[in-house]
Amino acid sequence: MDIAVENLETPALTKAQLAELLFEQIGLNKRESKDMIDAFFNLISNSLVEGVDVKISGFGNFQIRTKAPRPGRNPRTGEAIPIQARRVATFHASYKLKEQIQDEGDVPSVFSS
């Protein structure tokens, strides 16, 4: 099933737009569409908060990485400032997604008008 996103007005794909696409192209009602999108992103968010990697076959992997503390500096004043250890979310695209990105003609563009 192909989902066309050429009709999007902005270059960013929002959750509201995803819900609208589910409504228009799959036939879910608007409430079900919104709930499905919210549940999907909540599942990803909660998994990452718990430290569980999220792997979506054919798309990519979301992971939590712990960054060590390091010295930094205030760019305005040049003053040395310690940067605390922190956890960050990272995304690594799958080979299939990278391949699709390289084959520009095969993938509908979100930015086309």
PDB file of N, CA and C in Angstrom:
ATOM      1  N   MET A   1       0.849  -1.172   0.000  1.00  0.00           N
ATOM      2  CA  MET A   1       0.000   0.000   0.000  1.00  0.00           C
ATOM      3  C   MET A   1       0.894   1.235   0.000  1.00  0.00           C
ATOM      4  N   ASP A   2       0.692   2.109  -0.971  1.00  0.00           N
ATOM      5  CA  ASP A   2       1.460   3.344  -1.048  1.00  0.00           C
ATOM      6  C   ASP A   2       0.663   4.469  -0.425  1.00  0.00           C
ATOM      7  N   ILE A   3       1.333   5.234   0.421  1.00  0.00           N
ATOM      8  CA  ILE A   3       0.706   6.402   1.021  1.00  0.00           C
ATOM      9  C   ILE A   3       1.379   7.624   0.433  1.00  0.00           C
ATOM     10  N   ALA A   4       0.624   8.427  -0.280  1.00  0.00           N
ATOM     11  CA  ALA A   4       1.183   9.609  -0.936  1.00  0.00           C
ATOM     12  C   ALA A   4       1.220  10.771   0.046  1.00  0.00           C
ATOM     13  N   VAL A   5       2.351  11.458   0.065  1.00  0.00           N
ATOM     14  CA  VAL A   5       2.493  12.617   0.940  1.00  0.00           C
ATOM     15  C   VAL A   5       2.841  13.871   0.149  1.00  0.00           C
ATOM     16  N   GLU A   6       2.624  13.845  -1.164  1.00  0.00           N
ATOM     17  CA  GLU A   6       2.972  14.998  -1.991  1.00  0.00           C
ATOM     18  C   GLU A   6       2.134  16.223  -1.679  1.00  0.00           C
ATOM     19  N   ASN A   7       0.925  16.028  -1.136  1.00  0.00           N
ATOM     20  CA  ASN A   7       0.029  17.147  -0.925  1.00  0.00           C
ATOM     21  C   ASN A   7       0.290  17.908   0.373  1.00  0.00           C
ATOM     22  N   LEU A   8       1.337  17.578   1.086  1.00  0.00           N
ATOM     23  CA  LEU A   8       1.643  18.285   2.321  1.00  0.00           C
ATOM     24  C   LEU A   8       2.116  19.698   2.011  1.00  0.00           C
ATOM     25  N   GLU A   9       1.653  20.657   2.798  1.00  0.00           N
ATOM     26  CA  GLU A   9       1.974  22.058   2.542  1.00  0.00           C
ATOM     27  C   GLU A   9       3.292  22.483   3.176  1.00  0.00           C
ATOM     28  N   THR A  10       3.711  21.834   4.248  1.00  0.00           N
ATOM     29  CA  THR A  10       4.936  22.221   4.939  1.00  0.00           C
ATOM     30  C   THR A  10       5.966  21.111   4.802  1.00  0.00           C
ATOM     31  N   PRO A  11       7.258  21.471   4.882  1.00  0.00           N
ATOM     32  CA  PRO A  11       8.295  20.446   4.761  1.00  0.00           C
ATOM     33  C   PRO A  11       8.366  19.510   5.970  1.00  0.00           C
ATOM     34  N   ALA A  12       7.774  19.876   7.098  1.00  0.00           N
ATOM     35  CA  ALA A  12       7.777  19.010   8.273  1.00  0.00           C
ATOM     36  C   ALA A  12       6.527  18.144   8.255  1.00  0.00           C
ATOM     37  N   LEU A  13       6.690  16.878   8.563  1.00  0.00           N
ATOM     38  CA  LEU A  13       5.551  15.957   8.632  1.00  0.00           C
ATOM     39  C   LEU A  13       5.131  15.867  10.092  1.00  0.00           C
ATOM     40  N   THR A  14       3.951  16.367  10.419  1.00  0.00           N
ATOM     41  CA  THR A  14       3.488  16.419  11.798  1.00  0.00           C
ATOM     42  C   THR A  14       2.621  15.208  12.135  1.00  0.00           C
ATOM     43  N   LYS A  15       2.403  15.006  13.443  1.00  0.00           N
ATOM     44  CA  LYS A  15       1.519  13.922  13.871  1.00  0.00           C
ATOM     45  C   LYS A  15       0.101  14.160  13.364  1.00  0.00           C
ATOM     46  N   ALA A  16      -0.335  15.402  13.336  1.00  0.00           N
ATOM     47  CA  ALA A  16      -1.677  15.712  12.830  1.00  0.00           C
ATOM     48  C   ALA A  16      -1.784  15.347  11.350  1.00  0.00           C
ATOM     49  N   GLN A  17      -0.728  15.595  10.587  1.00  0.00           N
ATOM     50  CA  GLN A  17      -0.738  15.244   9.171  1.00  0.00           C
ATOM     51  C   GLN A  17      -0.729  13.731   8.987  1.00  0.00           C
ATOM     52  N   LEU A  18       0.023  13.014   9.814  1.00  0.00           N
ATOM     53  CA  LEU A  18       0.012  11.551   9.740  1.00  0.00           C
ATOM     54  C   LEU A  18      -1.387  11.017  10.031  1.00  0.00           C
ATOM     55  N   ALA A  19      -2.040  11.565  11.049  1.00  0.00           N
ATOM     56  CA  ALA A  19      -3.400  11.135  11.390  1.00  0.00           C
ATOM     57  C   ALA A  19      -4.351  11.433  10.229  1.00  0.00           C
ATOM     58  N   GLU A  20      -4.187  12.578   9.599  1.00  0.00           N
ATOM     59  CA  GLU A  20      -5.024  12.938   8.450  1.00  0.00           C
ATOM     60  C   GLU A  20      -4.817  11.963   7.285  1.00  0.00           C
ATOM     61  N   LEU A  21      -3.545  11.562   7.066  1.00  0.00           N
ATOM     62  CA  LEU A  21      -3.256  10.587   6.009  1.00  0.00           C
ATOM     63  C   LEU A  21      -3.912   9.235   6.301  1.00  0.00           C
ATOM     64  N   LEU A  22      -3.894   8.807   7.558  1.00  0.00           N
ATOM     65  CA  LEU A  22      -4.573   7.556   7.922  1.00  0.00           C
ATOM     66  C   LEU A  22      -6.073   7.671   7.662  1.00  0.00           C
ATOM     67  N   PHE A  23      -6.633   8.817   8.005  1.00  0.00           N
ATOM     68  CA  PHE A  23      -8.059   9.055   7.781  1.00  0.00           C
ATOM     69  C   PHE A  23      -8.398   9.013   6.295  1.00  0.00           C
ATOM     70  N   GLU A  24      -7.629   9.746   5.477  1.00  0.00           N
ATOM     71  CA  GLU A  24      -7.931   9.872   4.057  1.00  0.00           C
ATOM     72  C   GLU A  24      -7.623   8.614   3.255  1.00  0.00           C
ATOM     73  N   GLN A  25      -6.488   7.975   3.525  1.00  0.00           N
ATOM     74  CA  GLN A  25      -6.019   6.922   2.636  1.00  0.00           C
ATOM     75  C   GLN A  25      -6.285   5.512   3.135  1.00  0.00           C
ATOM     76  N   ILE A  26      -6.512   5.352   4.425  1.00  0.00           N
ATOM     77  CA  ILE A  26      -6.752   4.006   4.945  1.00  0.00           C
ATOM     78  C   ILE A  26      -8.202   3.836   5.367  1.00  0.00           C
ATOM     79  N   GLY A  27      -8.855   4.945   5.722  1.00  0.00           N
ATOM     80  CA  GLY A  27     -10.276   4.878   6.040  1.00  0.00           C
ATOM     81  C   GLY A  27     -10.605   4.806   7.513  1.00  0.00           C
ATOM     82  N   LEU A  28      -9.613   4.971   8.378  1.00  0.00           N
ATOM     83  CA  LEU A  28      -9.919   5.040   9.805  1.00  0.00           C
ATOM     84  C   LEU A  28     -10.650   6.348  10.069  1.00  0.00           C
ATOM     85  N   ASN A  29     -11.468   6.380  11.126  1.00  0.00           N
ATOM     86  CA  ASN A  29     -12.086   7.660  11.434  1.00  0.00           C
ATOM     87  C   ASN A  29     -11.039   8.568  12.086  1.00  0.00           C
ATOM     88  N   LYS A  30     -11.343   9.850  12.191  1.00  0.00           N
ATOM     89  CA  LYS A  30     -10.337  10.821  12.660  1.00  0.00           C
ATOM     90  C   LYS A  30      -9.859  10.516  14.078  1.00  0.00           C
ATOM     91  N   ARG A  31     -10.761  10.100  14.941  1.00  0.00           N
ATOM     92  CA  ARG A  31     -10.389   9.808  16.325  1.00  0.00           C
ATOM     93  C   ARG A  31      -9.466   8.589  16.378  1.00  0.00           C
ATOM     94  N   GLU A  32      -9.804   7.540  15.644  1.00  0.00           N
ATOM     95  CA  GLU A  32      -8.959   6.336  15.598  1.00  0.00           C
ATOM     96  C   GLU A  32      -7.587   6.666  15.022  1.00  0.00           C
ATOM     97  N   SER A  33      -7.558   7.501  13.992  1.00  0.00           N
ATOM     98  CA  SER A  33      -6.294   7.886  13.367  1.00  0.00           C
ATOM     99  C   SER A  33      -5.398   8.599  14.362  1.00  0.00           C
ATOM    100  N   LYS A  34      -5.964   9.576  15.073  1.00  0.00           N
ATOM    101  CA  LYS A  34      -5.184  10.327  16.062  1.00  0.00           C
ATOM    102  C   LYS A  34      -4.699   9.411  17.181  1.00  0.00           C
ATOM    103  N   ASP A  35      -5.594   8.546  17.669  1.00  0.00           N
ATOM    104  CA  ASP A  35      -5.224   7.621  18.744  1.00  0.00           C
ATOM    105  C   ASP A  35      -4.120   6.665  18.314  1.00  0.00           C
ATOM    106  N   MET A  36      -4.177   6.191  17.070  1.00  0.00           N
ATOM    107  CA  MET A  36      -3.154   5.265  16.579  1.00  0.00           C
ATOM    108  C   MET A  36      -1.792   5.958  16.501  1.00  0.00           C
ATOM    109  N   ILE A  37      -1.752   7.168  15.977  1.00  0.00           N
ATOM    110  CA  ILE A  37      -0.496   7.916  15.877  1.00  0.00           C
ATOM    111  C   ILE A  37       0.047   8.204  17.271  1.00  0.00           C
ATOM    112  N   ASP A  38      -0.817   8.657  18.181  1.00  0.00           N
ATOM    113  CA  ASP A  38      -0.376   8.935  19.554  1.00  0.00           C
ATOM    114  C   ASP A  38       0.163   7.673  20.225  1.00  0.00           C
ATOM    115  N   ALA A  39      -0.526   6.550  20.052  1.00  0.00           N
ATOM    116  CA  ALA A  39      -0.077   5.293  20.660  1.00  0.00           C
ATOM    117  C   ALA A  39       1.275   4.864  20.097  1.00  0.00           C
ATOM    118  N   PHE A  40       1.457   5.031  18.798  1.00  0.00           N
ATOM    119  CA  PHE A  40       2.720   4.668  18.151  1.00  0.00           C
ATOM    120  C   PHE A  40       3.885   5.467  18.737  1.00  0.00           C
ATOM    121  N   PHE A  41       3.722   6.779  18.814  1.00  0.00           N
ATOM    122  CA  PHE A  41       4.809   7.613  19.324  1.00  0.00           C
ATOM    123  C   PHE A  41       5.005   7.453  20.830  1.00  0.00           C
ATOM    124  N   ASN A  42       3.917   7.204  21.576  1.00  0.00           N
ATOM    125  CA  ASN A  42       4.058   6.932  23.008  1.00  0.00           C
ATOM    126  C   ASN A  42       4.829   5.645  23.243  1.00  0.00           C
ATOM    127  N   LEU A  43       4.579   4.637  22.429  1.00  0.00           N
ATOM    128  CA  LEU A  43       5.292   3.368  22.549  1.00  0.00           C
ATOM    129  C   LEU A  43       6.792   3.575  22.314  1.00  0.00           C
ATOM    130  N   ILE A  44       7.134   4.321  21.279  1.00  0.00           N
ATOM    131  CA  ILE A  44       8.547   4.602  20.999  1.00  0.00           C
ATOM    132  C   ILE A  44       9.162   5.402  22.141  1.00  0.00           C
ATOM    133  N   SER A  45       8.493   6.465  22.568  1.00  0.00           N
ATOM    134  CA  SER A  45       9.014   7.318  23.639  1.00  0.00           C
ATOM    135  C   SER A  45       9.213   6.535  24.932  1.00  0.00           C
ATOM    136  N   ASN A  46       8.196   5.786  25.338  1.00  0.00           N
ATOM    137  CA  ASN A  46       8.282   5.025  26.589  1.00  0.00           C
ATOM    138  C   ASN A  46       9.390   3.983  26.535  1.00  0.00           C
ATOM    139  N   SER A  47       9.544   3.327  25.399  1.00  0.00           N
ATOM    140  CA  SER A  47      10.613   2.337  25.262  1.00  0.00           C
ATOM    141  C   SER A  47      11.977   2.989  25.419  1.00  0.00           C
ATOM    142  N   LEU A  48      12.169   4.143  24.783  1.00  0.00           N
ATOM    143  CA  LEU A  48      13.459   4.831  24.881  1.00  0.00           C
ATOM    144  C   LEU A  48      13.726   5.318  26.300  1.00  0.00           C
ATOM    145  N   VAL A  49      12.715   5.836  26.974  1.00  0.00           N
ATOM    146  CA  VAL A  49      12.877   6.289  28.359  1.00  0.00           C
ATOM    147  C   VAL A  49      13.313   5.126  29.244  1.00  0.00           C
ATOM    148  N   GLU A  50      12.781   3.930  28.970  1.00  0.00           N
ATOM    149  CA  GLU A  50      13.141   2.739  29.748  1.00  0.00           C
ATOM    150  C   GLU A  50      14.486   2.158  29.331  1.00  0.00           C
ATOM    151  N   GLY A  51      15.109   2.732  28.291  1.00  0.00           N
ATOM    152  CA  GLY A  51      16.410   2.251  27.846  1.00  0.00           C
ATOM    153  C   GLY A  51      16.347   1.130  26.824  1.00  0.00           C
ATOM    154  N   VAL A  52      15.168   0.873  26.261  1.00  0.00           N
ATOM    155  CA  VAL A  52      14.992  -0.191  25.284  1.00  0.00           C
ATOM    156  C   VAL A  52      15.114   0.400  23.879  1.00  0.00           C
ATOM    157  N   ASP A  53      15.996  -0.182  23.064  1.00  0.00           N
ATOM    158  CA  ASP A  53      16.140   0.265  21.682  1.00  0.00           C
ATOM    159  C   ASP A  53      14.876  -0.059  20.898  1.00  0.00           C
ATOM    160  N   VAL A  54      14.555   0.793  19.929  1.00  0.00           N
ATOM    161  CA  VAL A  54      13.389   0.583  19.066  1.00  0.00           C
ATOM    162  C   VAL A  54      13.904   0.357  17.651  1.00  0.00           C
ATOM    163  N   LYS A  55      13.592  -0.812  17.104  1.00  0.00           N
ATOM    164  CA  LYS A  55      14.025  -1.160  15.752  1.00  0.00           C
ATOM    165  C   LYS A  55      12.796  -1.315  14.878  1.00  0.00           C
ATOM    166  N   ILE A  56      12.734  -0.510  13.811  1.00  0.00           N
ATOM    167  CA  ILE A  56      11.627  -0.592  12.869  1.00  0.00           C
ATOM    168  C   ILE A  56      12.201  -1.107  11.555  1.00  0.00           C
ATOM    169  N   SER A  57      11.860  -2.337  11.233  1.00  0.00           N
ATOM    170  CA  SER A  57      12.413  -3.006  10.067  1.00  0.00           C
ATOM    171  C   SER A  57      12.182  -2.183   8.802  1.00  0.00           C
ATOM    172  N   GLY A  58      13.231  -1.996   8.031  1.00  0.00           N
ATOM    173  CA  GLY A  58      13.140  -1.250   6.783  1.00  0.00           C
ATOM    174  C   GLY A  58      13.168   0.255   6.965  1.00  0.00           C
ATOM    175  N   PHE A  59      13.203   0.734   8.208  1.00  0.00           N
ATOM    176  CA  PHE A  59      13.213   2.176   8.468  1.00  0.00           C
ATOM    177  C   PHE A  59      14.456   2.589   9.242  1.00  0.00           C
ATOM    178  N   GLY A  60      14.642   2.041  10.446  1.00  0.00           N
ATOM    179  CA  GLY A  60      15.837   2.377  11.202  1.00  0.00           C
ATOM    180  C   GLY A  60      15.710   2.033  12.668  1.00  0.00           C
ATOM    181  N   ASN A  61      16.722   2.444  13.439  1.00  0.00           N
ATOM    182  CA  ASN A  61      16.805   2.155  14.866  1.00  0.00           C
ATOM    183  C   ASN A  61      16.883   3.442  15.671  1.00  0.00           C
ATOM    184  N   PHE A  62      16.080   3.500  16.731  1.00  0.00           N
ATOM    185  CA  PHE A  62      16.171   4.575  17.708  1.00  0.00           C
ATOM    186  C   PHE A  62      16.881   3.994  18.919  1.00  0.00           C
ATOM    187  N   GLN A  63      17.879   4.706  19.431  1.00  0.00           N
ATOM    188  CA  GLN A  63      18.630   4.207  20.570  1.00  0.00           C
ATOM    189  C   GLN A  63      18.878   5.340  21.556  1.00  0.00           C
ATOM    190  N   ILE A  64      19.106   4.960  22.815  1.00  0.00           N
ATOM    191  CA  ILE A  64      19.517   5.915  23.825  1.00  0.00           C
ATOM    192  C   ILE A  64      21.016   5.748  24.021  1.00  0.00           C
ATOM    193  N   ARG A  65      21.724   6.855  23.995  1.00  0.00           N
ATOM    194  CA  ARG A  65      23.171   6.842  24.187  1.00  0.00           C
ATOM    195  C   ARG A  65      23.493   7.734  25.378  1.00  0.00           C
ATOM    196  N   THR A  66      24.372   7.278  26.238  1.00  0.00           N
ATOM    197  CA  THR A  66      24.795   8.081  27.382  1.00  0.00           C
ATOM    198  C   THR A  66      26.078   8.804  27.017  1.00  0.00           C
ATOM    199  N   LYS A  67      26.026  10.123  27.092  1.00  0.00           N
ATOM    200  CA  LYS A  67      27.205  10.930  26.792  1.00  0.00           C
ATOM    201  C   LYS A  67      27.912  11.270  28.103  1.00  0.00           C
ATOM    202  N   ALA A  68      29.207  11.133  28.094  1.00  0.00           N
ATOM    203  CA  ALA A  68      30.011  11.390  29.285  1.00  0.00           C
ATOM    204  C   ALA A  68      30.097  12.900  29.548  1.00  0.00           C
ATOM    205  N   PRO A  69      30.368  13.267  30.802  1.00  0.00           N
ATOM    206  CA  PRO A  69      30.579  14.694  31.072  1.00  0.00           C
ATOM    207  C   PRO A  69      31.829  15.165  30.333  1.00  0.00           C
ATOM    208  N   ARG A  70      31.836  16.435  29.969  1.00  0.00           N
ATOM    209  CA  ARG A  70      32.992  16.958  29.235  1.00  0.00           C
ATOM    210  C   ARG A  70      33.114  18.452  29.472  1.00  0.00           C
ATOM    211  N   PRO A  71      34.290  18.978  29.235  1.00  0.00           N
ATOM    212  CA  PRO A  71      34.435  20.426  29.372  1.00  0.00           C
ATOM    213  C   PRO A  71      33.832  21.135  28.156  1.00  0.00           C
ATOM    214  N   GLY A  72      33.231  22.259  28.393  1.00  0.00           N
ATOM    215  CA  GLY A  72      32.677  23.065  27.319  1.00  0.00           C
ATOM    216  C   GLY A  72      33.044  24.519  27.567  1.00  0.00           C
ATOM    217  N   ARG A  73      32.526  25.401  26.729  1.00  0.00           N
ATOM    218  CA  ARG A  73      32.770  26.820  26.971  1.00  0.00           C
ATOM    219  C   ARG A  73      31.585  27.626  26.475  1.00  0.00           C
ATOM    220  N   ASN A  74      31.376  28.750  27.122  1.00  0.00           N
ATOM    221  CA  ASN A  74      30.344  29.678  26.716  1.00  0.00           C
ATOM    222  C   ASN A  74      30.856  30.409  25.473  1.00  0.00           C
ATOM    223  N   PRO A  75      30.186  30.267  24.323  1.00  0.00           N
ATOM    224  CA  PRO A  75      30.700  30.884  23.100  1.00  0.00           C
ATOM    225  C   PRO A  75      30.708  32.412  23.156  1.00  0.00           C
ATOM    226  N   ARG A  76      29.847  32.991  23.970  1.00  0.00           N
ATOM    227  CA  ARG A  76      29.776  34.448  24.073  1.00  0.00           C
ATOM    228  C   ARG A  76      30.922  35.024  24.898  1.00  0.00           C
ATOM    229  N   THR A  77      31.210  34.350  26.033  1.00  0.00           N
ATOM    230  CA  THR A  77      32.234  34.897  26.946  1.00  0.00           C
ATOM    231  C   THR A  77      33.551  34.136  26.894  1.00  0.00           C
ATOM    232  N   GLY A  78      33.517  32.909  26.359  1.00  0.00           N
ATOM    233  CA  GLY A  78      34.730  32.093  26.340  1.00  0.00           C
ATOM    234  C   GLY A  78      34.980  31.392  27.657  1.00  0.00           C
ATOM    235  N   GLU A  79      34.108  31.593  28.628  1.00  0.00           N
ATOM    236  CA  GLU A  79      34.266  30.999  29.950  1.00  0.00           C
ATOM    237  C   GLU A  79      34.086  29.485  29.893  1.00  0.00           C
ATOM    238  N   ALA A  80      34.972  28.746  30.584  1.00  0.00           N
ATOM    239  CA  ALA A  80      34.877  27.284  30.639  1.00  0.00           C
ATOM    240  C   ALA A  80      33.666  26.889  31.487  1.00  0.00           C
ATOM    241  N   ILE A  81      32.880  25.951  30.966  1.00  0.00           N
ATOM    242  CA  ILE A  81      31.676  25.486  31.657  1.00  0.00           C
ATOM    243  C   ILE A  81      31.640  23.963  31.540  1.00  0.00           C
ATOM    244  N   PRO A  82      31.480  23.256  32.660  1.00  0.00           N
ATOM    245  CA  PRO A  82      31.379  21.801  32.567  1.00  0.00           C
ATOM    246  C   PRO A  82      30.017  21.391  31.999  1.00  0.00           C
ATOM    247  N   ILE A  83      30.012  20.439  31.088  1.00  0.00           N
ATOM    248  CA  ILE A  83      28.776  19.898  30.529  1.00  0.00           C
ATOM    249  C   ILE A  83      28.531  18.566  31.232  1.00  0.00           C
ATOM    250  N   GLN A  84      27.358  18.440  31.843  1.00  0.00           N
ATOM    251  CA  GLN A  84      27.014  17.255  32.627  1.00  0.00           C
ATOM    252  C   GLN A  84      26.804  16.037  31.728  1.00  0.00           C
ATOM    253  N   ALA A  85      26.947  14.853  32.303  1.00  0.00           N
ATOM    254  CA  ALA A  85      26.611  13.615  31.596  1.00  0.00           C
ATOM    255  C   ALA A  85      25.126  13.654  31.279  1.00  0.00           C
ATOM    256  N   ARG A  86      24.745  13.088  30.131  1.00  0.00           N
ATOM    257  CA  ARG A  86      23.336  13.105  29.757  1.00  0.00           C
ATOM    258  C   ARG A  86      23.024  11.953  28.830  1.00  0.00           C
ATOM    259  N   ARG A  87      21.749  11.681  28.717  1.00  0.00           N
ATOM    260  CA  ARG A  87      21.279  10.649  27.786  1.00  0.00           C
ATOM    261  C   ARG A  87      20.666  11.353  26.588  1.00  0.00           C
ATOM    262  N   VAL A  88      20.976  10.860  25.403  1.00  0.00           N
ATOM    263  CA  VAL A  88      20.426  11.441  24.175  1.00  0.00           C
ATOM    264  C   VAL A  88      19.837  10.332  23.314  1.00  0.00           C
ATOM    265  N   ALA A  89      18.800  10.675  22.567  1.00  0.00           N
ATOM    266  CA  ALA A  89      18.203   9.743  21.623  1.00  0.00           C
ATOM    267  C   ALA A  89      18.917   9.892  20.287  1.00  0.00           C
ATOM    268  N   THR A  90      19.226   8.771  19.659  1.00  0.00           N
ATOM    269  CA  THR A  90      19.847   8.802  18.333  1.00  0.00           C
ATOM    270  C   THR A  90      19.004   7.968  17.383  1.00  0.00           C
ATOM    271  N   PHE A  91      19.116   8.277  16.093  1.00  0.00           N
ATOM    272  CA  PHE A  91      18.427   7.512  15.064  1.00  0.00           C
ATOM    273  C   PHE A  91      19.438   7.127  14.004  1.00  0.00           C
ATOM    274  N   HIS A  92      19.423   5.870  13.616  1.00  0.00           N
ATOM    275  CA  HIS A  92      20.269   5.379  12.536  1.00  0.00           C
ATOM    276  C   HIS A  92      19.357   4.769  11.481  1.00  0.00           C
ATOM    277  N   ALA A  93      19.392   5.336  10.289  1.00  0.00           N
ATOM    278  CA  ALA A  93      18.548   4.854   9.199  1.00  0.00           C
ATOM    279  C   ALA A  93      18.992   3.458   8.774  1.00  0.00           C
ATOM    280  N   SER A  94      18.018   2.640   8.373  1.00  0.00           N
ATOM    281  CA  SER A  94      18.321   1.296   7.886  1.00  0.00           C
ATOM    282  C   SER A  94      18.939   1.383   6.496  1.00  0.00           C
ATOM    283  N   TYR A  95      19.538   0.285   6.086  1.00  0.00           N
ATOM    284  CA  TYR A  95      20.131   0.211   4.752  1.00  0.00           C
ATOM    285  C   TYR A  95      19.065   0.465   3.693  1.00  0.00           C
ATOM    286  N   LYS A  96      17.873  -0.124   3.894  1.00  0.00           N
ATOM    287  CA  LYS A  96      16.781   0.050   2.917  1.00  0.00           C
ATOM    288  C   LYS A  96      16.367   1.508   2.792  1.00  0.00           C
ATOM    289  N   LEU A  97      16.259   2.213   3.923  1.00  0.00           N
ATOM    290  CA  LEU A  97      15.883   3.628   3.883  1.00  0.00           C
ATOM    291  C   LEU A  97      16.962   4.452   3.198  1.00  0.00           C
ATOM    292  N   LYS A  98      18.214   4.171   3.522  1.00  0.00           N
ATOM    293  CA  LYS A  98      19.314   4.891   2.878  1.00  0.00           C
ATOM    294  C   LYS A  98      19.300   4.662   1.375  1.00  0.00           C
ATOM    295  N   GLU A  99      19.008   3.436   0.977  1.00  0.00           N
ATOM    296  CA  GLU A  99      18.939   3.100  -0.443  1.00  0.00           C
ATOM    297  C   GLU A  99      17.808   3.875  -1.137  1.00  0.00           C
ATOM    298  N   GLN A 100      16.647   3.953  -0.492  1.00  0.00           N
ATOM    299  CA  GLN A 100      15.519   4.701  -1.054  1.00  0.00           C
ATOM    300  C   GLN A 100      15.850   6.188  -1.186  1.00  0.00           C
ATOM    301  N   ILE A 101      16.545   6.726  -0.208  1.00  0.00           N
ATOM    302  CA  ILE A 101      16.918   8.137  -0.247  1.00  0.00           C
ATOM    303  C   ILE A 101      17.835   8.402  -1.427  1.00  0.00           C
ATOM    304  N   GLN A 102      18.737   7.453  -1.708  1.00  0.00           N
ATOM    305  CA  GLN A 102      19.651   7.620  -2.823  1.00  0.00           C
ATOM    306  C   GLN A 102      18.942   7.493  -4.172  1.00  0.00           C
ATOM    307  N   ASP A 103      17.903   6.662  -4.231  1.00  0.00           N
ATOM    308  CA  ASP A 103      17.121   6.484  -5.460  1.00  0.00           C
ATOM    309  C   ASP A 103      15.975   7.488  -5.450  1.00  0.00           C
ATOM    310  N   GLU A 104      16.304   8.767  -5.568  1.00  0.00           N
ATOM    311  CA  GLU A 104      15.322   9.846  -5.418  1.00  0.00           C
ATOM    312  C   GLU A 104      14.091   9.670  -6.282  1.00  0.00           C
ATOM    313  N   GLY A 105      14.245   9.149  -7.498  1.00  0.00           N
ATOM    314  CA  GLY A 105      13.112   9.009  -8.400  1.00  0.00           C
ATOM    315  C   GLY A 105      12.106   7.983  -7.951  1.00  0.00           C
ATOM    316  N   ASP A 106      12.481   7.046  -7.077  1.00  0.00           N
ATOM    317  CA  ASP A 106      11.585   5.974  -6.669  1.00  0.00           C
ATOM    318  C   ASP A 106      10.713   6.336  -5.472  1.00  0.00           C
ATOM    319  N   VAL A 107      11.013   7.427  -4.786  1.00  0.00           N
ATOM    320  CA  VAL A 107      10.319   7.771  -3.556  1.00  0.00           C
ATOM    321  C   VAL A 107       9.607   9.106  -3.732  1.00  0.00           C
ATOM    322  N   PRO A 108       8.305   9.185  -3.427  1.00  0.00           N
ATOM    323  CA  PRO A 108       7.626  10.485  -3.510  1.00  0.00           C
ATOM    324  C   PRO A 108       8.246  11.466  -2.528  1.00  0.00           C
ATOM    325  N   SER A 109       8.407  12.686  -2.947  1.00  0.00           N
ATOM    326  CA  SER A 109       9.043  13.698  -2.116  1.00  0.00           C
ATOM    327  C   SER A 109       8.016  14.426  -1.268  1.00  0.00           C
ATOM    328  N   VAL A 110       8.340  14.619   0.006  1.00  0.00           N
ATOM    329  CA  VAL A 110       7.495  15.382   0.898  1.00  0.00           C
ATOM    330  C   VAL A 110       7.500  16.846   0.480  1.00  0.00           C
ATOM    331  N   PHE A 111       8.562  17.291  -0.159  1.00  0.00           N
ATOM    332  CA  PHE A 111       8.733  18.694  -0.487  1.00  0.00           C
ATOM    333  C   PHE A 111       8.206  19.080  -1.856  1.00  0.00           C
ATOM    334  N   SER A 112       7.679  18.143  -2.621  1.00  0.00           N
ATOM    335  CA  SER A 112       7.191  18.498  -3.960  1.00  0.00           C
ATOM    336  C   SER A 112       5.887  19.275  -3.829  1.00  0.00           C
ATOM    337  N   SER A 113       5.623  20.107  -4.831  1.00  0.00           N
ATOM    338  CA  SER A 113       4.383  20.890  -4.760  1.00  0.00           C
ATOM    339  C   SER A 113       3.527  20.662  -5.972  1.00  0.00           C
TER     340      SER A 113
END
